[in-house]
Structures are given as structure tokens and as C-alpha cells.
Amino acid sequence: MVLDQLVSIIGMIVNQSQNLPRPENTIARSDKMHLWPVEKDDDLVNISTDKITATLEENLEVVNNALDVYKEFLFILKEEERIEGFLKKQPFDRDQF
């Protein structure tokens, strides 16, 4: 599902944020070589995940509603095929055309 794949990105971000070197270590060495780790069950991660999930659900609902609006026009996608089929039938008279 699209929602699950998008929400899984949050977990990927958390995984990639592990063992990040501290930027100031390029200027001056400190005792702490890496930024603090962020756990997947951290409150901030959970709150962010919930908020992002709610936003995605709202937006995906709007997308589904938009699909319903255009459903009556789906026949247009097949018109080129129908016209080409008609033109292959020969001979045809002026009334058919």
C-alpha cells in the first residue's frame, strides 16, 4: 500500500541517522564523536509518524475522490484504439465516416 511505503520512510530516516559524525569534529576534536542516537520508539518519532500518517491519509482520500470525478471520462483513453479500428475497415461510405 502506498501509505505504508511512505510511512516506512520515517523508519529509514531514523536508521540513517545512527552514528552520524558531529560536524564540529572537523574543526576541533571532542570526546563525543557522533550525534546522539534516535530510537524508533522515541516520543518525537512516534508523534511525527502519527502526524505524517494522518496527513497522508487525508491526501490519499482526496486523490481517491479525484479518481471518482474522472471515472466518467475513462472511455477517452480507448477512443484512439476505436478510431484506428474503424479506419482499418475499408471500404466505408460517407455516411459511416
PDB file of N, CA and C in Angstrom:
ATOM      1  N   MET A   1       0.847  -1.179   0.000  1.00  0.00           N
ATOM      2  CA  MET A   1       0.000   0.000   0.000  1.00  0.00           C
ATOM      3  C   MET A   1       0.894   1.245   0.000  1.00  0.00           C
ATOM      4  N   VAL A   2       0.454   2.256  -0.681  1.00  0.00           N
ATOM      5  CA  VAL A   2       1.228   3.490  -0.806  1.00  0.00           C
ATOM      6  C   VAL A   2       1.477   4.116   0.567  1.00  0.00           C
ATOM      7  N   LEU A   3       0.454   4.139   1.395  1.00  0.00           N
ATOM      8  CA  LEU A   3       0.578   4.746   2.722  1.00  0.00           C
ATOM      9  C   LEU A   3       1.680   4.069   3.524  1.00  0.00           C
ATOM     10  N   ASP A   4       1.693   2.751   3.524  1.00  0.00           N
ATOM     11  CA  ASP A   4       2.709   2.015   4.289  1.00  0.00           C
ATOM     12  C   ASP A   4       4.116   2.300   3.776  1.00  0.00           C
ATOM     13  N   GLN A   5       4.262   2.373   2.457  1.00  0.00           N
ATOM     14  CA  GLN A   5       5.576   2.641   1.885  1.00  0.00           C
ATOM     15  C   GLN A   5       6.064   4.044   2.239  1.00  0.00           C
ATOM     16  N   LEU A   6       5.155   5.009   2.211  1.00  0.00           N
ATOM     17  CA  LEU A   6       5.551   6.378   2.558  1.00  0.00           C
ATOM     18  C   LEU A   6       5.899   6.507   4.037  1.00  0.00           C
ATOM     19  N   VAL A   7       5.119   5.857   4.888  1.00  0.00           N
ATOM     20  CA  VAL A   7       5.388   5.922   6.324  1.00  0.00           C
ATOM     21  C   VAL A   7       6.679   5.179   6.665  1.00  0.00           C
ATOM     22  N   SER A   8       7.005   4.138   5.910  1.00  0.00           N
ATOM     23  CA  SER A   8       8.239   3.390   6.182  1.00  0.00           C
ATOM     24  C   SER A   8       9.486   4.242   5.972  1.00  0.00           C
ATOM     25  N   ILE A   9       9.347   5.333   5.224  1.00  0.00           N
ATOM     26  CA  ILE A   9      10.481   6.236   5.006  1.00  0.00           C
ATOM     27  C   ILE A   9      10.952   6.828   6.334  1.00  0.00           C
ATOM     28  N   ILE A  10      10.018   7.039   7.256  1.00  0.00           N
ATOM     29  CA  ILE A  10      10.391   7.582   8.567  1.00  0.00           C
ATOM     30  C   ILE A  10      11.368   6.642   9.255  1.00  0.00           C
ATOM     31  N   GLY A  11      11.083   5.345   9.217  1.00  0.00           N
ATOM     32  CA  GLY A  11      11.992   4.362   9.805  1.00  0.00           C
ATOM     33  C   GLY A  11      13.351   4.371   9.127  1.00  0.00           C
ATOM     34  N   MET A  12      13.354   4.550   7.816  1.00  0.00           N
ATOM     35  CA  MET A  12      14.622   4.624   7.080  1.00  0.00           C
ATOM     36  C   MET A  12      15.437   5.838   7.520  1.00  0.00           C
ATOM     37  N   ILE A  13      14.747   6.954   7.721  1.00  0.00           N
ATOM     38  CA  ILE A  13      15.438   8.169   8.171  1.00  0.00           C
ATOM     39  C   ILE A  13      16.051   7.949   9.545  1.00  0.00           C
ATOM     40  N   VAL A  14      15.292   7.315  10.443  1.00  0.00           N
ATOM     41  CA  VAL A  14      15.811   7.034  11.784  1.00  0.00           C
ATOM     42  C   VAL A  14      17.026   6.124  11.691  1.00  0.00           C
ATOM     43  N   ASN A  15      16.958   5.093  10.844  1.00  0.00           N
ATOM     44  CA  ASN A  15      18.100   4.185  10.685  1.00  0.00           C
ATOM     45  C   ASN A  15      19.331   4.911  10.152  1.00  0.00           C
ATOM     46  N   GLN A  16      19.120   5.800   9.200  1.00  0.00           N
ATOM     47  CA  GLN A  16      20.247   6.518   8.601  1.00  0.00           C
ATOM     48  C   GLN A  16      20.835   7.561   9.542  1.00  0.00           C
ATOM     49  N   SER A  17      20.076   7.931  10.566  1.00  0.00           N
ATOM     50  CA  SER A  17      20.581   8.953  11.485  1.00  0.00           C
ATOM     51  C   SER A  17      21.463   8.374  12.588  1.00  0.00           C
ATOM     52  N   GLN A  18      21.674   7.082  12.591  1.00  0.00           N
ATOM     53  CA  GLN A  18      22.521   6.457  13.596  1.00  0.00           C
ATOM     54  C   GLN A  18      23.998   6.689  13.251  1.00  0.00           C
ATOM     55  N   ASN A  19      24.782   6.958  14.266  1.00  0.00           N
ATOM     56  CA  ASN A  19      26.242   7.130  14.135  1.00  0.00           C
ATOM     57  C   ASN A  19      26.636   8.255  13.180  1.00  0.00           C
ATOM     58  N   LEU A  20      25.888   9.335  13.179  1.00  0.00           N
ATOM     59  CA  LEU A  20      26.264  10.496  12.367  1.00  0.00           C
ATOM     60  C   LEU A  20      27.413  11.229  13.071  1.00  0.00           C
ATOM     61  N   PRO A  21      28.467  11.529  12.356  1.00  0.00           N
ATOM     62  CA  PRO A  21      29.571  12.259  12.984  1.00  0.00           C
ATOM     63  C   PRO A  21      29.154  13.685  13.344  1.00  0.00           C
ATOM     64  N   ARG A  22      29.686  14.156  14.425  1.00  0.00           N
ATOM     65  CA  ARG A  22      29.393  15.529  14.859  1.00  0.00           C
ATOM     66  C   ARG A  22      30.097  16.505  13.908  1.00  0.00           C
ATOM     67  N   PRO A  23      29.417  17.538  13.454  1.00  0.00           N
ATOM     68  CA  PRO A  23      30.029  18.468  12.497  1.00  0.00           C
ATOM     69  C   PRO A  23      31.231  19.208  13.068  1.00  0.00           C
ATOM     70  N   GLU A  24      31.211  19.484  14.363  1.00  0.00           N
ATOM     71  CA  GLU A  24      32.320  20.252  14.930  1.00  0.00           C
ATOM     72  C   GLU A  24      33.606  19.436  15.026  1.00  0.00           C
ATOM     73  N   ASN A  25      33.539  18.124  14.814  1.00  0.00           N
ATOM     74  CA  ASN A  25      34.744  17.307  14.846  1.00  0.00           C
ATOM     75  C   ASN A  25      35.666  17.610  13.669  1.00  0.00           C
ATOM     76  N   THR A  26      35.146  18.238  12.645  1.00  0.00           N
ATOM     77  CA  THR A  26      36.011  18.615  11.528  1.00  0.00           C
ATOM     78  C   THR A  26      36.835  19.861  11.880  1.00  0.00           C
ATOM     79  N   ILE A  27      36.334  20.630  12.856  1.00  0.00           N
ATOM     80  CA  ILE A  27      37.043  21.846  13.270  1.00  0.00           C
ATOM     81  C   ILE A  27      37.942  21.564  14.469  1.00  0.00           C
ATOM     82  N   ALA A  28      37.363  20.981  15.479  1.00  0.00           N
ATOM     83  CA  ALA A  28      38.110  20.669  16.703  1.00  0.00           C
ATOM     84  C   ALA A  28      37.613  19.342  17.248  1.00  0.00           C
ATOM     85  N   ARG A  29      38.523  18.499  17.662  1.00  0.00           N
ATOM     86  CA  ARG A  29      38.151  17.177  18.173  1.00  0.00           C
ATOM     87  C   ARG A  29      37.488  17.313  19.541  1.00  0.00           C
ATOM     88  N   SER A  30      36.420  16.533  19.725  1.00  0.00           N
ATOM     89  CA  SER A  30      35.773  16.487  21.036  1.00  0.00           C
ATOM     90  C   SER A  30      35.687  15.036  21.486  1.00  0.00           C
ATOM     91  N   ASP A  31      35.277  14.832  22.723  1.00  0.00           N
ATOM     92  CA  ASP A  31      35.160  13.471  23.255  1.00  0.00           C
ATOM     93  C   ASP A  31      34.026  12.707  22.581  1.00  0.00           C
ATOM     94  N   LYS A  32      33.005  13.425  22.233  1.00  0.00           N
ATOM     95  CA  LYS A  32      31.858  12.788  21.590  1.00  0.00           C
ATOM     96  C   LYS A  32      32.045  12.875  20.077  1.00  0.00           C
ATOM     97  N   MET A  33      32.158  11.725  19.461  1.00  0.00           N
ATOM     98  CA  MET A  33      32.430  11.675  18.026  1.00  0.00           C
ATOM     99  C   MET A  33      31.155  11.682  17.177  1.00  0.00           C
ATOM    100  N   HIS A  34      30.029  11.265  17.760  1.00  0.00           N
ATOM    101  CA  HIS A  34      28.792  11.143  16.993  1.00  0.00           C
ATOM    102  C   HIS A  34      27.653  11.879  17.689  1.00  0.00           C
ATOM    103  N   LEU A  35      26.648  12.227  16.893  1.00  0.00           N
ATOM    104  CA  LEU A  35      25.433  12.801  17.454  1.00  0.00           C
ATOM    105  C   LEU A  35      24.697  11.720  18.239  1.00  0.00           C
ATOM    106  N   TRP A  36      23.812  12.131  19.160  1.00  0.00           N
ATOM    107  CA  TRP A  36      23.107  11.148  19.970  1.00  0.00           C
ATOM    108  C   TRP A  36      22.190  10.312  19.081  1.00  0.00           C
ATOM    109  N   PRO A  37      22.021   9.053  19.430  1.00  0.00           N
ATOM    110  CA  PRO A  37      21.154   8.181  18.617  1.00  0.00           C
ATOM    111  C   PRO A  37      19.674   8.481  18.865  1.00  0.00           C
ATOM    112  N   VAL A  38      18.891   8.323  17.833  1.00  0.00           N
ATOM    113  CA  VAL A  38      17.443   8.472  17.939  1.00  0.00           C
ATOM    114  C   VAL A  38      16.849   7.078  17.743  1.00  0.00           C
ATOM    115  N   GLU A  39      16.049   6.652  18.699  1.00  0.00           N
ATOM    116  CA  GLU A  39      15.447   5.321  18.635  1.00  0.00           C
ATOM    117  C   GLU A  39      14.120   5.372  17.883  1.00  0.00           C
ATOM    118  N   LYS A  40      13.721   4.232  17.291  1.00  0.00           N
ATOM    119  CA  LYS A  40      12.468   4.174  16.547  1.00  0.00           C
ATOM    120  C   LYS A  40      11.252   4.386  17.444  1.00  0.00           C
ATOM    121  N   ASP A  41      11.380   4.049  18.736  1.00  0.00           N
ATOM    122  CA  ASP A  41      10.248   4.204  19.645  1.00  0.00           C
ATOM    123  C   ASP A  41      10.304   5.511  20.434  1.00  0.00           C
ATOM    124  N   ASP A  42      11.140   6.446  19.985  1.00  0.00           N
ATOM    125  CA  ASP A  42      11.246   7.753  20.622  1.00  0.00           C
ATOM    126  C   ASP A  42       9.912   8.497  20.496  1.00  0.00           C
ATOM    127  N   ASP A  43       9.563   9.273  21.518  1.00  0.00           N
ATOM    128  CA  ASP A  43       8.292  10.006  21.501  1.00  0.00           C
ATOM    129  C   ASP A  43       8.182  10.932  20.294  1.00  0.00           C
ATOM    130  N   LEU A  44       9.244  11.631  19.985  1.00  0.00           N
ATOM    131  CA  LEU A  44       9.222  12.557  18.850  1.00  0.00           C
ATOM    132  C   LEU A  44       8.990  11.809  17.538  1.00  0.00           C
ATOM    133  N   VAL A  45       9.606  10.647  17.405  1.00  0.00           N
ATOM    134  CA  VAL A  45       9.415   9.838  16.196  1.00  0.00           C
ATOM    135  C   VAL A  45       7.965   9.369  16.120  1.00  0.00           C
ATOM    136  N   ASN A  46       7.413   8.912  17.243  1.00  0.00           N
ATOM    137  CA  ASN A  46       6.024   8.435  17.258  1.00  0.00           C
ATOM    138  C   ASN A  46       5.040   9.548  16.938  1.00  0.00           C
ATOM    139  N   ILE A  47       5.242  10.708  17.528  1.00  0.00           N
ATOM    140  CA  ILE A  47       4.363  11.855  17.261  1.00  0.00           C
ATOM    141  C   ILE A  47       4.447  12.253  15.791  1.00  0.00           C
ATOM    142  N   SER A  48       5.673  12.318  15.269  1.00  0.00           N
ATOM    143  CA  SER A  48       5.863  12.678  13.856  1.00  0.00           C
ATOM    144  C   SER A  48       5.224  11.643  12.940  1.00  0.00           C
ATOM    145  N   THR A  49       5.381  10.381  13.257  1.00  0.00           N
ATOM    146  CA  THR A  49       4.801   9.315  12.443  1.00  0.00           C
ATOM    147  C   THR A  49       3.284   9.419  12.428  1.00  0.00           C
ATOM    148  N   ASP A  50       2.693   9.665  13.593  1.00  0.00           N
ATOM    149  CA  ASP A  50       1.237   9.795  13.670  1.00  0.00           C
ATOM    150  C   ASP A  50       0.739  10.985  12.848  1.00  0.00           C
ATOM    151  N   LYS A  51       1.441  12.104  12.967  1.00  0.00           N
ATOM    152  CA  LYS A  51       1.032  13.314  12.240  1.00  0.00           C
ATOM    153  C   LYS A  51       1.195  13.121  10.726  1.00  0.00           C
ATOM    154  N   ILE A  52       2.289  12.526  10.324  1.00  0.00           N
ATOM    155  CA  ILE A  52       2.531  12.282   8.893  1.00  0.00           C
ATOM    156  C   ILE A  52       1.515  11.286   8.352  1.00  0.00           C
ATOM    157  N   THR A  53       1.219  10.238   9.117  1.00  0.00           N
ATOM    158  CA  THR A  53       0.237   9.244   8.694  1.00  0.00           C
ATOM    159  C   THR A  53      -1.134   9.887   8.503  1.00  0.00           C
ATOM    160  N   ALA A  54      -1.545  10.723   9.446  1.00  0.00           N
ATOM    161  CA  ALA A  54      -2.842  11.395   9.337  1.00  0.00           C
ATOM    162  C   ALA A  54      -2.889  12.284   8.098  1.00  0.00           C
ATOM    163  N   THR A  55      -1.819  13.025   7.852  1.00  0.00           N
ATOM    164  CA  THR A  55      -1.757  13.905   6.678  1.00  0.00           C
ATOM    165  C   THR A  55      -1.812  13.098   5.382  1.00  0.00           C
ATOM    166  N   LEU A  56      -1.068  11.999   5.345  1.00  0.00           N
ATOM    167  CA  LEU A  56      -1.071  11.150   4.150  1.00  0.00           C
ATOM    168  C   LEU A  56      -2.451  10.544   3.912  1.00  0.00           C
ATOM    169  N   GLU A  57      -3.112  10.102   4.970  1.00  0.00           N
ATOM    170  CA  GLU A  57      -4.447   9.522   4.823  1.00  0.00           C
ATOM    171  C   GLU A  57      -5.419  10.541   4.243  1.00  0.00           C
ATOM    172  N   GLU A  58      -5.353  11.773   4.733  1.00  0.00           N
ATOM    173  CA  GLU A  58      -6.218  12.835   4.206  1.00  0.00           C
ATOM    174  C   GLU A  58      -5.955  13.065   2.717  1.00  0.00           C
ATOM    175  N   ASN A  59      -4.671  13.164   2.372  1.00  0.00           N
ATOM    176  CA  ASN A  59      -4.313  13.446   0.979  1.00  0.00           C
ATOM    177  C   ASN A  59      -4.659  12.292   0.057  1.00  0.00           C
ATOM    178  N   LEU A  60      -4.481  11.055   0.517  1.00  0.00           N
ATOM    179  CA  LEU A  60      -4.826   9.908  -0.314  1.00  0.00           C
ATOM    180  C   LEU A  60      -6.339   9.797  -0.499  1.00  0.00           C
ATOM    181  N   GLU A  61      -7.099  10.220   0.483  1.00  0.00           N
ATOM    182  CA  GLU A  61      -8.553  10.244   0.344  1.00  0.00           C
ATOM    183  C   GLU A  61      -8.965  11.250  -0.743  1.00  0.00           C
ATOM    184  N   VAL A  62      -8.306  12.398  -0.761  1.00  0.00           N
ATOM    185  CA  VAL A  62      -8.582  13.403  -1.792  1.00  0.00           C
ATOM    186  C   VAL A  62      -8.241  12.841  -3.177  1.00  0.00           C
ATOM    187  N   VAL A  63      -7.137  12.113  -3.269  1.00  0.00           N
ATOM    188  CA  VAL A  63      -6.743  11.512  -4.549  1.00  0.00           C
ATOM    189  C   VAL A  63      -7.809  10.511  -5.006  1.00  0.00           C
ATOM    190  N   ASN A  64      -8.286   9.686  -4.078  1.00  0.00           N
ATOM    191  CA  ASN A  64      -9.324   8.718  -4.438  1.00  0.00           C
ATOM    192  C   ASN A  64     -10.600   9.413  -4.898  1.00  0.00           C
ATOM    193  N   ASN A  65     -10.955  10.506  -4.254  1.00  0.00           N
ATOM    194  CA  ASN A  65     -12.134  11.268  -4.673  1.00  0.00           C
ATOM    195  C   ASN A  65     -11.931  11.857  -6.061  1.00  0.00           C
ATOM    196  N   ALA A  66     -10.731  12.311  -6.353  1.00  0.00           N
ATOM    197  CA  ALA A  66     -10.435  12.865  -7.675  1.00  0.00           C
ATOM    198  C   ALA A  66     -10.564  11.787  -8.746  1.00  0.00           C
ATOM    199  N   LEU A  67     -10.171  10.566  -8.424  1.00  0.00           N
ATOM    200  CA  LEU A  67     -10.311   9.471  -9.389  1.00  0.00           C
ATOM    201  C   LEU A  67     -11.772   9.235  -9.729  1.00  0.00           C
ATOM    202  N   ASP A  68     -12.638   9.345  -8.730  1.00  0.00           N
ATOM    203  CA  ASP A  68     -14.070   9.171  -8.979  1.00  0.00           C
ATOM    204  C   ASP A  68     -14.609  10.256  -9.905  1.00  0.00           C
ATOM    205  N   VAL A  69     -14.106  11.469  -9.767  1.00  0.00           N
ATOM    206  CA  VAL A  69     -14.558  12.572 -10.607  1.00  0.00           C
ATOM    207  C   VAL A  69     -14.253  12.293 -12.078  1.00  0.00           C
ATOM    208  N   TYR A  70     -13.090  11.713 -12.344  1.00  0.00           N
ATOM    209  CA  TYR A  70     -12.670  11.490 -13.725  1.00  0.00           C
ATOM    210  C   TYR A  70     -13.107  10.140 -14.282  1.00  0.00           C
ATOM    211  N   LYS A  71     -13.752   9.317 -13.474  1.00  0.00           N
ATOM    212  CA  LYS A  71     -14.136   7.976 -13.902  1.00  0.00           C
ATOM    213  C   LYS A  71     -15.015   7.994 -15.152  1.00  0.00           C
ATOM    214  N   GLU A  72     -15.916   8.968 -15.249  1.00  0.00           N
ATOM    215  CA  GLU A  72     -16.823   9.014 -16.397  1.00  0.00           C
ATOM    216  C   GLU A  72     -16.103   9.345 -17.705  1.00  0.00           C
ATOM    217  N   PHE A  73     -14.854   9.803 -17.627  1.00  0.00           N
ATOM    218  CA  PHE A  73     -14.102  10.161 -18.826  1.00  0.00           C
ATOM    219  C   PHE A  73     -13.074   9.096 -19.232  1.00  0.00           C
ATOM    220  N   LEU A  74     -13.072   7.947 -18.572  1.00  0.00           N
ATOM    221  CA  LEU A  74     -12.112   6.893 -18.882  1.00  0.00           C
ATOM    222  C   LEU A  74     -12.249   6.374 -20.317  1.00  0.00           C
ATOM    223  N   PHE A  75     -13.438   6.463 -20.867  1.00  0.00           N
ATOM    224  CA  PHE A  75     -13.647   5.992 -22.239  1.00  0.00           C
ATOM    225  C   PHE A  75     -12.735   6.723 -23.226  1.00  0.00           C
ATOM    226  N   ILE A  76     -12.344   7.942 -22.919  1.00  0.00           N
ATOM    227  CA  ILE A  76     -11.499   8.732 -23.822  1.00  0.00           C
ATOM    228  C   ILE A  76     -10.159   8.041 -24.053  1.00  0.00           C
ATOM    229  N   LEU A  77      -9.684   7.321 -23.061  1.00  0.00           N
ATOM    230  CA  LEU A  77      -8.397   6.638 -23.201  1.00  0.00           C
ATOM    231  C   LEU A  77      -8.441   5.537 -24.259  1.00  0.00           C
ATOM    232  N   LYS A  78      -9.630   5.044 -24.576  1.00  0.00           N
ATOM    233  CA  LYS A  78      -9.764   3.968 -25.562  1.00  0.00           C
ATOM    234  C   LYS A  78     -10.230   4.476 -26.927  1.00  0.00           C
ATOM    235  N   GLU A  79     -10.483   5.754 -27.045  1.00  0.00           N
ATOM    236  CA  GLU A  79     -11.024   6.299 -28.292  1.00  0.00           C
ATOM    237  C   GLU A  79     -10.048   6.171 -29.455  1.00  0.00           C
ATOM    238  N   GLU A  80      -8.769   6.377 -29.204  1.00  0.00           N
ATOM    239  CA  GLU A  80      -7.789   6.280 -30.295  1.00  0.00           C
ATOM    240  C   GLU A  80      -7.813   4.875 -30.891  1.00  0.00           C
ATOM    241  N   GLU A  81      -7.868   3.877 -30.034  1.00  0.00           N
ATOM    242  CA  GLU A  81      -7.918   2.482 -30.478  1.00  0.00           C
ATOM    243  C   GLU A  81      -9.202   2.218 -31.287  1.00  0.00           C
ATOM    244  N   ARG A  82     -10.314   2.751 -30.820  1.00  0.00           N
ATOM    245  CA  ARG A  82     -11.594   2.563 -31.511  1.00  0.00           C
ATOM    246  C   ARG A  82     -11.565   3.224 -32.885  1.00  0.00           C
ATOM    247  N   ILE A  83     -10.999   4.417 -32.964  1.00  0.00           N
ATOM    248  CA  ILE A  83     -10.934   5.148 -34.239  1.00  0.00           C
ATOM    249  C   ILE A  83     -10.015   4.427 -35.218  1.00  0.00           C
ATOM    250  N   GLU A  84      -8.880   3.943 -34.736  1.00  0.00           N
ATOM    251  CA  GLU A  84      -7.963   3.218 -35.620  1.00  0.00           C
ATOM    252  C   GLU A  84      -8.611   1.948 -36.151  1.00  0.00           C
ATOM    253  N   GLY A  85      -9.371   1.271 -35.291  1.00  0.00           N
ATOM    254  CA  GLY A  85     -10.106   0.084 -35.739  1.00  0.00           C
ATOM    255  C   GLY A  85     -11.122   0.416 -36.804  1.00  0.00           C
ATOM    256  N   PHE A  86     -11.809   1.534 -36.642  1.00  0.00           N
ATOM    257  CA  PHE A  86     -12.794   1.984 -37.630  1.00  0.00           C
ATOM    258  C   PHE A  86     -12.128   2.301 -38.965  1.00  0.00           C
ATOM    259  N   LEU A  87     -10.980   2.973 -38.902  1.00  0.00           N
ATOM    260  CA  LEU A  87     -10.304   3.376 -40.143  1.00  0.00           C
ATOM    261  C   LEU A  87      -9.730   2.187 -40.904  1.00  0.00           C
ATOM    262  N   LYS A  88      -9.466   1.086 -40.200  1.00  0.00           N
ATOM    263  CA  LYS A  88      -8.937  -0.102 -40.874  1.00  0.00           C
ATOM    264  C   LYS A  88     -10.016  -0.819 -41.678  1.00  0.00           C
ATOM    265  N   LYS A  89     -11.278  -0.603 -41.321  1.00  0.00           N
ATOM    266  CA  LYS A  89     -12.384  -1.212 -42.070  1.00  0.00           C
ATOM    267  C   LYS A  89     -12.557  -0.435 -43.376  1.00  0.00           C
ATOM    268  N   GLN A  90     -12.273  -1.093 -44.472  1.00  0.00           N
ATOM    269  CA  GLN A  90     -12.404  -0.404 -45.745  1.00  0.00           C
ATOM    270  C   GLN A  90     -13.137  -1.315 -46.696  1.00  0.00           C
ATOM    271  N   PRO A  91     -13.819  -0.898 -47.610  1.00  0.00           N
ATOM    272  CA  PRO A  91     -14.182   0.491 -47.856  1.00  0.00           C
ATOM    273  C   PRO A  91     -15.337   0.927 -46.945  1.00  0.00           C
ATOM    274  N   PHE A  92     -15.400   2.201 -46.694  1.00  0.00           N
ATOM    275  CA  PHE A  92     -16.546   2.748 -45.961  1.00  0.00           C
ATOM    276  C   PHE A  92     -17.097   3.917 -46.733  1.00  0.00           C
ATOM    277  N   ASP A  93     -18.371   4.082 -46.566  1.00  0.00           N
ATOM    278  CA  ASP A  93     -19.015   5.169 -47.328  1.00  0.00           C
ATOM    279  C   ASP A  93     -19.069   6.440 -46.498  1.00  0.00           C
ATOM    280  N   ARG A  94     -19.519   7.487 -47.122  1.00  0.00           N
ATOM    281  CA  ARG A  94     -19.541   8.815 -46.497  1.00  0.00           C
ATOM    282  C   ARG A  94     -20.394   8.831 -45.229  1.00  0.00           C
ATOM    283  N   ASP A  95     -21.509   8.117 -45.228  1.00  0.00           N
ATOM    284  CA  ASP A  95     -22.391   8.082 -44.050  1.00  0.00           C
ATOM    285  C   ASP A  95     -21.698   7.439 -42.842  1.00  0.00           C
ATOM    286  N   GLN A  96     -20.970   6.372 -43.083  1.00  0.00           N
ATOM    287  CA  GLN A  96     -20.251   5.730 -41.985  1.00  0.00           C
ATOM    288  C   GLN A  96     -19.186   6.670 -41.414  1.00  0.00           C
ATOM    289  N   PHE A  97     -18.522   7.359 -42.333  1.00  0.00           N
ATOM    290  CA  PHE A  97     -17.443   8.224 -41.903  1.00  0.00           C
ATOM    291  C   PHE A  97     -18.003   9.386 -41.106  1.00  0.00           C
TER     292      PHE A  97
END
